[in-house]
Amino acid sequence: MIRTSLRPLAAALSAAFLPLLALAQGSSQQVVKPPQAQAWIDLATFSGMGMPGGMGAAGGGGNPMAALGGLFGGGARRDEANRFGQTQSMAAGRWMDVTLYSRANPKLAEAQQSVPPGFMSPALKLQSPLETRGAPPEPGDERVVEPEQERPRGKMLLYWGCGDTVRPGQPRVIDFATATPAELAKFFQSRRATQRGSHAASGRPLWPSRDDSRMVPAAASLVGEHAYSAAGLPEGFRFQIPAAQDLMPAIALKQQEQDGTTQLSWQVLPTARAYFISAMGARDNQEMVIWTSSEQPDMGFGLQDYQTNAAVDRWLKEQVLLAPQTTRCSVPKGVFGSGQGAMLRMIAYGSELNLAHPPRPSDVKMPWEPQWAVKLRLKSVASAMLGMDMGDMMMEQRGRPAKGDDADEPAKETAKEPPKKPGVTDVLKGLFGR
């Protein structure tokens, strides 16, 4: 009887105190303030040839013709001055972009970054851009950056997965003339976790800069102590870059055609966290074909750039990315049709480094007010014509005959030759109707 009579009272007390309990729990969340100074460092190693920005490079925007300079030897050359933004340019080489921000001095014009002797000497000179459009982004904003994509014409076919033959249920096909918004959204599924890295904004010194456009030496290493100094920066803004976050080696991608499949192979990159491969080509009239190495039907448009460590680990479990010990993958027979060309891109993700001082307190009751923070991202990317040896490809770009051509012999009449494999120009005409 007593227990029965107490139940209404217990219910009333519970109803009264639950909101207070929820409020108390909410107030126990740790107070996190943005850092007083922030540095972004992007590292990239590119090999092979450039590719259109429409394949997902964050710097290319939505225009598939944006990066065509790299296809024909454009972009920065090793004997020219460096410039900011090369980590997104796809120009062959090793690149570093740096952006620095000071909350105490939002109009900071110049800064200095001391680097290890194994990188370059003297210290790097960072300078704010003279002119930029729009308001600079907030330093603490870690939202995923969504690129704008142009809507293609005609049909698009999607294949996925490594193997010798096309798997049952493939390809997925979308006709842009009749597709509904829901069908387009389903077809264009693409994972992406690319956050802001180095960027150009007024009051944020960057490197390479106007007065310091040195090229990154071929054998340079970033391993060791780095430090920033400038008016408005906190004292002791110094940190270590470990070997795991050094500039990544180039991907030594090899290709071999066998029975209609294209067998891709490469050596393991010691600091790679995962790999992803995609190819894009034209087939027939206004038909674009995409193949990716994913075990899931992902377009891959969002994967050909820096990704967070947590996202890479998640996508490895989902078999969207190739494991770091993988050394082989085959493009199935018949994906791009007989005599059709395609452009191939492979990315190796490095492990992103995030540092802050002082470190975040484990006690949630203690606020976290970091004096400075550093975000370092790294990747290695190889681009090539599908089925074409990289050496032959580079000779074609420079207008020289590939291996096996009788370049030094006079022209002579021969029997009818078999169709020539499409070159860079042929593929571009097929893809973009130029």
Protein backbone atom coordinates (compact mmCIF):
# COMPACT_ATOMS: atom_id res chain seq x y z
CA MET A 1 0.00 0.00 0.00
CA ILE A 2 2.78 2.40 0.89
CA ARG A 3 4.70 1.62 -2.33
CA THR A 4 1.57 2.11 -4.39
CA SER A 5 0.86 5.48 -2.84
CA LEU A 6 4.41 6.70 -3.44
CA ARG A 7 4.36 6.07 -7.19
CA PRO A 8 2.48 9.27 -8.12
CA LEU A 9 4.85 11.29 -5.94
CA ALA A 10 7.93 9.68 -7.55
CA ALA A 11 6.56 10.42 -11.00
CA ALA A 12 5.94 14.04 -10.07
CA LEU A 13 9.44 14.48 -8.65
CA SER A 14 10.96 12.86 -11.75
CA ALA A 15 9.05 15.19 -14.05
CA ALA A 16 10.22 18.19 -12.04
CA PHE A 17 13.90 17.28 -11.81
CA LEU A 18 14.57 15.79 -15.27
CA PRO A 19 14.80 19.22 -16.98
CA LEU A 20 17.18 20.41 -14.25
CA LEU A 21 19.30 17.29 -14.70
CA ALA A 22 19.47 17.81 -18.46
CA LEU A 23 20.48 21.44 -17.90
CA ALA A 24 23.22 20.38 -15.48
CA GLN A 25 24.55 17.82 -17.97
CA GLY A 26 24.54 20.41 -20.73
CA SER A 27 26.48 22.86 -18.58
CA SER A 28 29.16 20.19 -17.98
CA GLN A 29 30.22 20.30 -21.66
CA GLN A 30 33.73 21.58 -22.03
CA VAL A 31 34.19 25.20 -23.04
CA VAL A 32 36.37 25.31 -26.17
CA LYS A 33 37.66 28.62 -27.49
CA PRO A 34 39.28 29.17 -30.92
CA PRO A 35 43.08 29.38 -30.98
CA GLN A 36 44.78 32.75 -30.78
CA ALA A 37 46.86 31.79 -33.83
CA GLN A 38 46.33 29.14 -36.51
CA ALA A 39 48.58 27.72 -39.22
CA TRP A 40 47.48 25.57 -42.14
CA ILE A 41 50.11 23.55 -44.02
CA ASP A 42 49.27 21.58 -47.17
CA LEU A 43 51.77 19.17 -48.72
CA ALA A 44 51.34 17.53 -52.11
CA THR A 45 53.41 15.33 -54.40
CA PHE A 46 52.24 15.04 -58.01
CA SER A 47 53.54 12.70 -60.70
CA GLY A 48 52.47 12.04 -64.27
CA MET A 49 50.17 14.47 -66.06
CA GLY A 50 47.55 16.92 -64.84
CA MET A 51 43.82 16.27 -65.05
CA PRO A 52 40.70 18.44 -65.31
CA GLY A 53 39.45 19.91 -62.05
CA GLY A 54 36.05 18.28 -62.56
CA MET A 55 37.47 15.03 -61.13
CA GLY A 56 37.35 16.53 -57.67
CA ALA A 57 40.38 18.73 -57.04
CA ALA A 58 39.33 21.44 -54.66
CA GLY A 59 41.30 24.07 -56.47
CA GLY A 60 39.71 23.35 -59.84
CA GLY A 61 36.20 24.48 -59.02
CA GLY A 62 33.44 23.01 -61.14
CA ASN A 63 34.99 23.76 -64.52
CA PRO A 64 36.41 20.59 -66.11
CA MET A 65 38.67 22.69 -68.32
CA ALA A 66 40.25 24.55 -65.39
CA ALA A 67 43.41 22.48 -65.12
CA LEU A 68 44.09 21.69 -68.79
CA GLY A 69 47.34 23.64 -68.66
CA GLY A 70 48.87 20.78 -66.73
CA LEU A 71 47.87 18.30 -69.42
CA PHE A 72 50.17 19.91 -71.93
CA GLY A 73 53.09 20.68 -69.67
CA GLY A 74 51.45 23.72 -68.11
CA GLY A 75 51.56 24.76 -64.49
CA ALA A 76 54.74 25.58 -62.64
CA ARG A 77 58.01 24.24 -64.02
CA ARG A 78 60.97 23.25 -61.93
CA ASP A 79 63.01 26.12 -63.37
CA GLU A 80 60.35 28.75 -62.67
CA ALA A 81 59.28 30.56 -59.52
CA ASN A 82 56.96 28.81 -57.09
CA ARG A 83 53.48 30.22 -56.39
CA PHE A 84 50.77 29.68 -53.81
CA GLY A 85 48.15 27.08 -54.71
CA GLN A 86 50.40 24.49 -56.32
CA THR A 87 49.13 21.80 -53.92
CA GLN A 88 45.95 21.82 -56.02
CA SER A 89 47.48 22.46 -59.45
CA MET A 90 48.39 18.85 -60.40
CA ALA A 91 51.73 20.12 -61.81
CA ALA A 92 54.37 17.43 -61.36
CA GLY A 93 56.62 18.05 -58.36
CA ARG A 94 56.62 18.45 -54.58
CA TRP A 95 54.70 21.41 -53.19
CA MET A 96 53.89 23.13 -49.91
CA ASP A 97 51.30 25.86 -49.23
CA VAL A 98 51.15 27.69 -45.88
CA THR A 99 48.59 30.11 -44.41
CA LEU A 100 48.97 31.85 -41.03
CA TYR A 101 46.34 33.70 -38.97
CA SER A 102 46.60 35.82 -35.80
CA ARG A 103 43.45 36.65 -33.85
CA ALA A 104 45.33 39.45 -32.06
CA ASN A 105 46.44 40.96 -35.37
CA PRO A 106 43.83 40.29 -38.08
CA LYS A 107 45.65 42.62 -40.48
CA LEU A 108 48.96 40.80 -40.20
CA ALA A 109 51.03 41.56 -43.30
CA GLU A 110 54.17 39.47 -42.87
CA ALA A 111 55.51 36.58 -40.80
CA GLN A 112 58.45 34.20 -40.73
CA GLN A 113 58.52 30.43 -40.52
CA SER A 114 61.77 28.89 -39.39
CA VAL A 115 62.23 25.42 -40.86
CA PRO A 116 64.71 22.55 -40.37
CA PRO A 117 68.04 22.76 -42.24
CA GLY A 118 66.97 19.72 -44.27
CA PHE A 119 64.16 21.69 -45.89
CA MET A 120 65.61 25.01 -47.05
CA SER A 121 67.51 28.02 -45.78
CA PRO A 122 67.00 30.80 -44.82
CA ALA A 123 63.59 30.84 -43.12
CA LEU A 124 60.39 31.17 -45.15
CA LYS A 125 58.95 34.65 -45.62
CA LEU A 126 55.15 34.68 -45.44
CA GLN A 127 53.22 37.63 -46.88
CA SER A 128 49.54 38.50 -46.95
CA PRO A 129 47.91 38.69 -50.41
CA LEU A 130 47.54 42.21 -51.74
CA GLU A 131 43.94 41.71 -52.82
CA THR A 132 41.34 39.02 -52.11
CA ARG A 133 37.60 38.85 -52.70
CA GLY A 134 35.06 38.22 -49.99
CA ALA A 135 35.40 37.96 -46.23
CA PRO A 136 38.05 35.60 -44.86
CA PRO A 137 36.69 32.37 -43.32
CA GLU A 138 36.66 31.78 -39.58
CA PRO A 139 39.77 29.92 -38.36
CA GLY A 140 37.82 27.47 -36.22
CA ASP A 141 35.38 26.50 -38.96
CA GLU A 142 35.98 22.81 -39.74
CA ARG A 143 33.01 22.26 -42.01
CA VAL A 144 33.47 20.05 -45.04
CA VAL A 145 34.06 22.19 -48.13
CA GLU A 146 31.59 21.33 -50.88
CA PRO A 147 32.79 22.11 -54.43
CA GLU A 148 30.44 23.26 -57.15
CA GLN A 149 29.88 20.74 -59.94
CA GLU A 150 28.71 21.40 -63.46
CA ARG A 151 25.84 19.26 -64.71
CA PRO A 152 27.07 17.13 -67.65
CA ARG A 153 25.10 16.42 -70.82
CA GLY A 154 24.14 13.11 -72.40
CA LYS A 155 24.53 9.89 -70.42
CA MET A 156 26.90 8.81 -67.68
CA LEU A 157 27.86 5.24 -66.86
CA LEU A 158 29.36 4.22 -63.51
CA TYR A 159 31.45 1.09 -62.91
CA TRP A 160 33.23 0.22 -59.67
CA GLY A 161 35.54 -2.34 -58.11
CA CYS A 162 38.91 -3.86 -59.04
CA GLY A 163 38.81 -7.04 -61.14
CA ASP A 164 39.18 -8.57 -64.58
CA THR A 165 35.49 -8.51 -65.52
CA VAL A 166 32.54 -6.19 -65.00
CA ARG A 167 30.44 -7.32 -62.05
CA PRO A 168 26.73 -8.20 -62.25
CA GLY A 169 24.42 -5.23 -61.90
CA GLN A 170 26.87 -2.79 -63.49
CA PRO A 171 26.98 -0.20 -64.86
CA ARG A 172 24.67 2.32 -63.31
CA VAL A 173 23.38 4.61 -66.04
CA ILE A 174 21.91 8.11 -65.82
CA ASP A 175 20.39 10.04 -68.73
CA PHE A 176 20.61 13.75 -67.95
CA ALA A 177 17.81 14.58 -70.38
CA THR A 178 15.23 12.59 -68.39
CA ALA A 179 16.71 12.14 -64.89
CA THR A 180 14.73 13.48 -61.94
CA PRO A 181 16.42 15.33 -59.06
CA ALA A 182 16.01 12.23 -56.87
CA GLU A 183 17.66 10.01 -59.48
CA LEU A 184 20.52 12.46 -59.88
CA ALA A 185 21.08 12.62 -56.12
CA LYS A 186 21.22 8.83 -55.89
CA PHE A 187 23.53 8.47 -58.86
CA PHE A 188 25.98 11.16 -57.79
CA GLN A 189 26.65 9.68 -54.36
CA SER A 190 30.17 10.74 -53.41
CA ARG A 191 31.81 10.71 -50.02
CA ARG A 192 33.76 13.77 -48.98
CA ALA A 193 35.38 15.01 -45.78
CA THR A 194 37.66 17.72 -47.14
CA GLN A 195 38.03 20.58 -44.68
CA ARG A 196 39.69 23.94 -45.18
CA GLY A 197 43.45 23.91 -45.51
CA SER A 198 45.79 26.62 -46.73
CA HIS A 199 43.95 29.51 -48.36
CA ALA A 200 44.51 33.07 -49.55
CA ALA A 201 42.84 35.82 -47.52
CA SER A 202 43.70 39.39 -46.63
CA GLY A 203 45.55 39.68 -43.33
CA ARG A 204 46.72 36.06 -43.47
CA PRO A 205 50.35 35.73 -44.58
CA LEU A 206 51.04 32.82 -46.88
CA TRP A 207 53.90 30.98 -48.52
CA PRO A 208 55.05 30.87 -51.30
CA SER A 209 54.87 34.65 -51.30
CA ARG A 210 55.73 37.58 -53.53
CA ASP A 211 59.24 37.92 -52.13
CA ASP A 212 59.91 34.24 -51.41
CA SER A 213 58.97 31.97 -54.30
CA ARG A 214 61.69 29.37 -53.94
CA MET A 215 60.97 25.88 -55.25
CA VAL A 216 60.84 23.01 -52.77
CA PRO A 217 64.14 21.12 -53.24
CA ALA A 218 63.79 17.63 -54.69
CA ALA A 219 65.32 15.99 -51.59
CA ALA A 220 63.88 18.40 -49.00
CA SER A 221 62.55 17.11 -45.69
CA LEU A 222 60.20 18.90 -43.29
CA VAL A 223 61.06 16.62 -40.36
CA GLY A 224 62.14 18.64 -37.32
CA GLU A 225 61.25 21.85 -35.53
CA HIS A 226 59.22 24.66 -37.10
CA ALA A 227 58.38 28.03 -35.55
CA TYR A 228 56.37 31.13 -36.49
CA SER A 229 57.22 34.67 -35.50
CA ALA A 230 55.36 37.93 -36.22
CA ALA A 231 53.66 40.83 -34.50
CA GLY A 232 50.63 39.55 -32.65
CA LEU A 233 51.61 35.88 -32.54
CA PRO A 234 51.88 34.15 -29.15
CA GLU A 235 55.34 33.45 -27.80
CA GLY A 236 56.64 29.95 -28.29
CA PHE A 237 54.67 29.12 -31.45
CA ARG A 238 56.92 26.18 -32.29
CA PHE A 239 56.23 22.52 -33.03
CA GLN A 240 57.75 19.32 -34.44
CA ILE A 241 56.81 17.66 -37.73
CA PRO A 242 57.48 13.90 -37.47
CA ALA A 243 58.61 11.63 -40.30
CA ALA A 244 55.06 10.31 -40.74
CA GLN A 245 53.97 13.78 -41.95
CA ASP A 246 56.91 14.54 -44.23
CA LEU A 247 56.41 15.16 -47.96
CA MET A 248 55.21 11.88 -49.47
CA PRO A 249 57.09 10.03 -52.23
CA ALA A 250 55.69 9.98 -55.76
CA ILE A 251 53.43 7.06 -56.69
CA ALA A 252 55.34 4.77 -59.07
CA LEU A 253 52.29 3.64 -61.02
CA LYS A 254 52.76 0.92 -63.64
CA GLN A 255 50.19 -0.27 -66.19
CA GLN A 256 49.97 -3.44 -68.22
CA GLU A 257 47.19 -4.52 -70.56
CA GLN A 258 46.27 -8.20 -70.59
CA ASP A 259 43.25 -9.79 -72.28
CA GLY A 260 41.40 -6.47 -72.32
CA THR A 261 41.97 -5.58 -68.67
CA THR A 262 44.35 -2.89 -67.49
CA GLN A 263 46.45 -4.13 -64.60
CA LEU A 264 47.67 -1.36 -62.30
CA SER A 265 50.52 -1.90 -59.86
CA TRP A 266 52.60 0.28 -57.56
CA GLN A 267 54.98 0.13 -54.65
CA VAL A 268 53.65 0.71 -51.15
CA LEU A 269 54.12 4.25 -49.87
CA PRO A 270 55.38 3.96 -46.27
CA THR A 271 53.25 6.82 -44.93
CA ALA A 272 50.07 6.14 -46.95
CA ARG A 273 46.92 5.64 -44.89
CA ALA A 274 44.84 4.43 -47.87
CA TYR A 275 44.55 4.65 -51.68
CA PHE A 276 41.80 5.48 -54.16
CA ILE A 277 41.78 5.23 -57.96
CA SER A 278 39.36 6.59 -60.54
CA ALA A 279 39.23 6.87 -64.31
CA MET A 280 37.06 8.97 -66.61
CA GLY A 281 36.62 8.63 -70.34
CA ALA A 282 34.21 9.14 -73.23
CA ARG A 283 32.34 6.40 -75.08
CA ASP A 284 30.23 6.94 -78.18
CA ASN A 285 28.37 10.23 -78.56
CA GLN A 286 27.95 12.21 -75.32
CA GLU A 287 28.48 9.19 -73.09
CA MET A 288 30.82 9.71 -70.15
CA VAL A 289 32.17 6.64 -68.36
CA ILE A 290 33.52 6.61 -64.82
CA TRP A 291 35.24 3.73 -63.02
CA THR A 292 36.50 3.71 -59.44
CA SER A 293 38.41 1.22 -57.30
CA SER A 294 35.71 1.35 -54.60
CA GLU A 295 33.76 -1.76 -53.61
CA GLN A 296 30.76 0.55 -53.24
CA PRO A 297 29.11 2.57 -56.04
CA ASP A 298 30.76 5.89 -55.21
CA MET A 299 31.43 8.43 -57.99
CA GLY A 300 34.72 9.43 -56.39
CA PHE A 301 34.35 13.12 -57.21
CA GLY A 302 34.81 14.04 -53.55
CA LEU A 303 37.63 11.60 -52.81
CA GLN A 304 40.43 12.98 -54.98
CA ASP A 305 41.65 15.44 -52.36
CA TYR A 306 42.72 15.64 -48.72
CA GLN A 307 40.44 13.77 -46.29
CA THR A 308 40.36 13.62 -42.50
CA ASN A 309 41.91 10.64 -40.69
CA ALA A 310 38.58 9.59 -39.20
CA ALA A 311 36.89 9.61 -42.63
CA VAL A 312 39.70 7.60 -44.24
CA ASP A 313 39.49 4.97 -41.49
CA ARG A 314 35.71 4.78 -41.83
CA TRP A 315 35.86 4.39 -45.62
CA LEU A 316 38.51 1.69 -45.30
CA LYS A 317 36.04 -0.35 -43.24
CA GLU A 318 33.36 0.31 -45.85
CA GLN A 319 35.80 -0.88 -48.57
CA VAL A 320 35.51 2.40 -50.42
CA LEU A 321 39.29 2.93 -50.17
CA LEU A 322 42.12 0.47 -50.80
CA ALA A 323 44.12 -0.67 -47.77
CA PRO A 324 47.63 0.84 -47.36
CA GLN A 325 49.33 -2.52 -48.07
CA THR A 326 47.53 -2.89 -51.44
CA THR A 327 49.82 -2.93 -54.50
CA ARG A 328 47.51 -4.04 -57.35
CA CYS A 329 44.14 -3.25 -58.91
CA SER A 330 42.71 -4.07 -62.35
CA VAL A 331 40.33 -2.01 -64.46
CA PRO A 332 37.78 -4.55 -65.80
CA LYS A 333 37.63 -5.45 -69.45
CA GLY A 334 35.14 -3.51 -71.55
CA VAL A 335 34.57 -0.59 -69.19
CA PHE A 336 35.84 2.03 -71.63
CA GLY A 337 35.20 0.12 -74.84
CA SER A 338 37.55 -0.90 -77.61
CA GLY A 339 39.99 1.76 -78.71
CA GLN A 340 38.63 4.32 -76.23
CA GLY A 341 40.89 6.32 -73.97
CA ALA A 342 40.45 7.45 -70.38
CA MET A 343 42.27 9.59 -67.86
CA LEU A 344 43.34 7.89 -64.66
CA ARG A 345 44.07 9.39 -61.25
CA MET A 346 45.34 7.67 -58.12
CA ILE A 347 45.66 9.29 -54.70
CA ALA A 348 47.52 8.14 -51.60
CA TYR A 349 46.22 9.78 -48.42
CA GLY A 350 48.72 10.72 -45.76
CA SER A 351 47.82 10.99 -42.07
CA GLU A 352 46.62 14.49 -41.22
CA LEU A 353 48.44 16.12 -38.28
CA ASN A 354 46.54 18.35 -35.84
CA LEU A 355 48.51 20.08 -33.08
CA ALA A 356 47.50 22.59 -30.43
CA HIS A 357 49.12 24.23 -27.40
CA PRO A 358 48.30 23.77 -24.64
CA PRO A 359 46.78 20.31 -25.23
CA ARG A 360 43.08 19.84 -24.58
CA PRO A 361 42.40 19.16 -20.86
CA SER A 362 40.95 15.75 -20.11
CA ASP A 363 38.76 17.29 -17.40
CA VAL A 364 35.66 18.63 -19.17
CA LYS A 365 35.16 21.16 -16.38
CA MET A 366 38.36 22.93 -17.45
CA PRO A 367 37.99 25.26 -20.46
CA TRP A 368 40.32 24.78 -23.41
CA GLU A 369 41.88 28.00 -24.65
CA PRO A 370 44.66 27.04 -27.09
CA GLN A 371 47.30 29.66 -27.82
CA TRP A 372 48.03 28.21 -31.23
CA ALA A 373 46.99 25.35 -33.52
CA VAL A 374 48.42 23.72 -36.64
CA LYS A 375 46.63 21.62 -39.28
CA LEU A 376 48.93 19.76 -41.69
CA ARG A 377 47.51 17.74 -44.61
CA LEU A 378 49.42 15.57 -47.09
CA LYS A 379 48.76 13.53 -50.21
CA SER A 380 50.52 11.99 -53.20
CA VAL A 381 48.74 11.86 -56.56
CA ALA A 382 49.58 10.17 -59.86
CA SER A 383 47.77 10.92 -63.13
CA ALA A 384 48.10 9.09 -66.43
CA MET A 385 46.35 7.96 -69.56
CA LEU A 386 44.74 4.60 -68.83
CA GLY A 387 46.82 1.81 -70.35
CA MET A 388 49.67 4.10 -71.33
CA ASP A 389 53.15 3.82 -69.81
CA MET A 390 54.05 7.03 -67.98
CA GLY A 391 57.27 7.40 -69.97
CA ASP A 392 55.41 7.13 -73.27
CA MET A 393 52.73 9.50 -72.02
CA MET A 394 55.19 12.23 -71.09
CA MET A 395 56.95 11.92 -74.46
CA GLU A 396 53.62 12.32 -76.23
CA GLN A 397 52.88 15.45 -74.22
CA ARG A 398 56.16 16.96 -75.37
CA GLY A 399 55.48 16.06 -78.99
CA ARG A 400 58.06 13.28 -79.19
CA PRO A 401 57.29 9.77 -80.46
CA ALA A 402 56.74 7.11 -77.82
CA LYS A 403 58.82 3.98 -77.38
CA GLY A 404 58.78 1.69 -80.39
CA ASP A 405 58.22 4.48 -82.94
CA ASP A 406 60.89 4.77 -85.63
CA ALA A 407 61.60 8.43 -84.92
CA ASP A 408 65.01 8.52 -86.57
CA GLU A 409 64.12 6.51 -89.68
CA PRO A 410 62.69 8.08 -92.85
CA ALA A 411 59.03 7.55 -93.56
CA LYS A 412 58.25 4.46 -95.59
CA GLU A 413 55.10 2.91 -96.97
CA THR A 414 53.78 0.01 -94.95
CA ALA A 415 50.67 -2.10 -94.80
CA LYS A 416 47.58 -0.66 -93.18
CA GLU A 417 48.39 0.01 -89.54
CA PRO A 418 46.10 -0.98 -86.66
CA PRO A 419 44.16 1.84 -85.01
CA LYS A 420 46.33 4.04 -82.85
CA LYS A 421 45.53 4.20 -79.13
CA PRO A 422 43.90 7.55 -78.31
CA GLY A 423 46.21 10.21 -76.98
CA VAL A 424 45.62 13.09 -74.59
CA THR A 425 44.04 15.33 -77.21
CA ASP A 426 41.72 12.58 -78.44
CA VAL A 427 40.38 11.90 -74.96
CA LEU A 428 39.82 15.58 -74.22
CA LYS A 429 37.84 15.99 -77.44
CA GLY A 430 35.69 13.03 -76.50
CA LEU A 431 35.11 14.22 -72.95
CA PHE A 432 34.40 17.87 -73.54
CA GLY A 433 33.35 18.04 -77.17
CA ARG A 434 36.25 20.32 -78.13
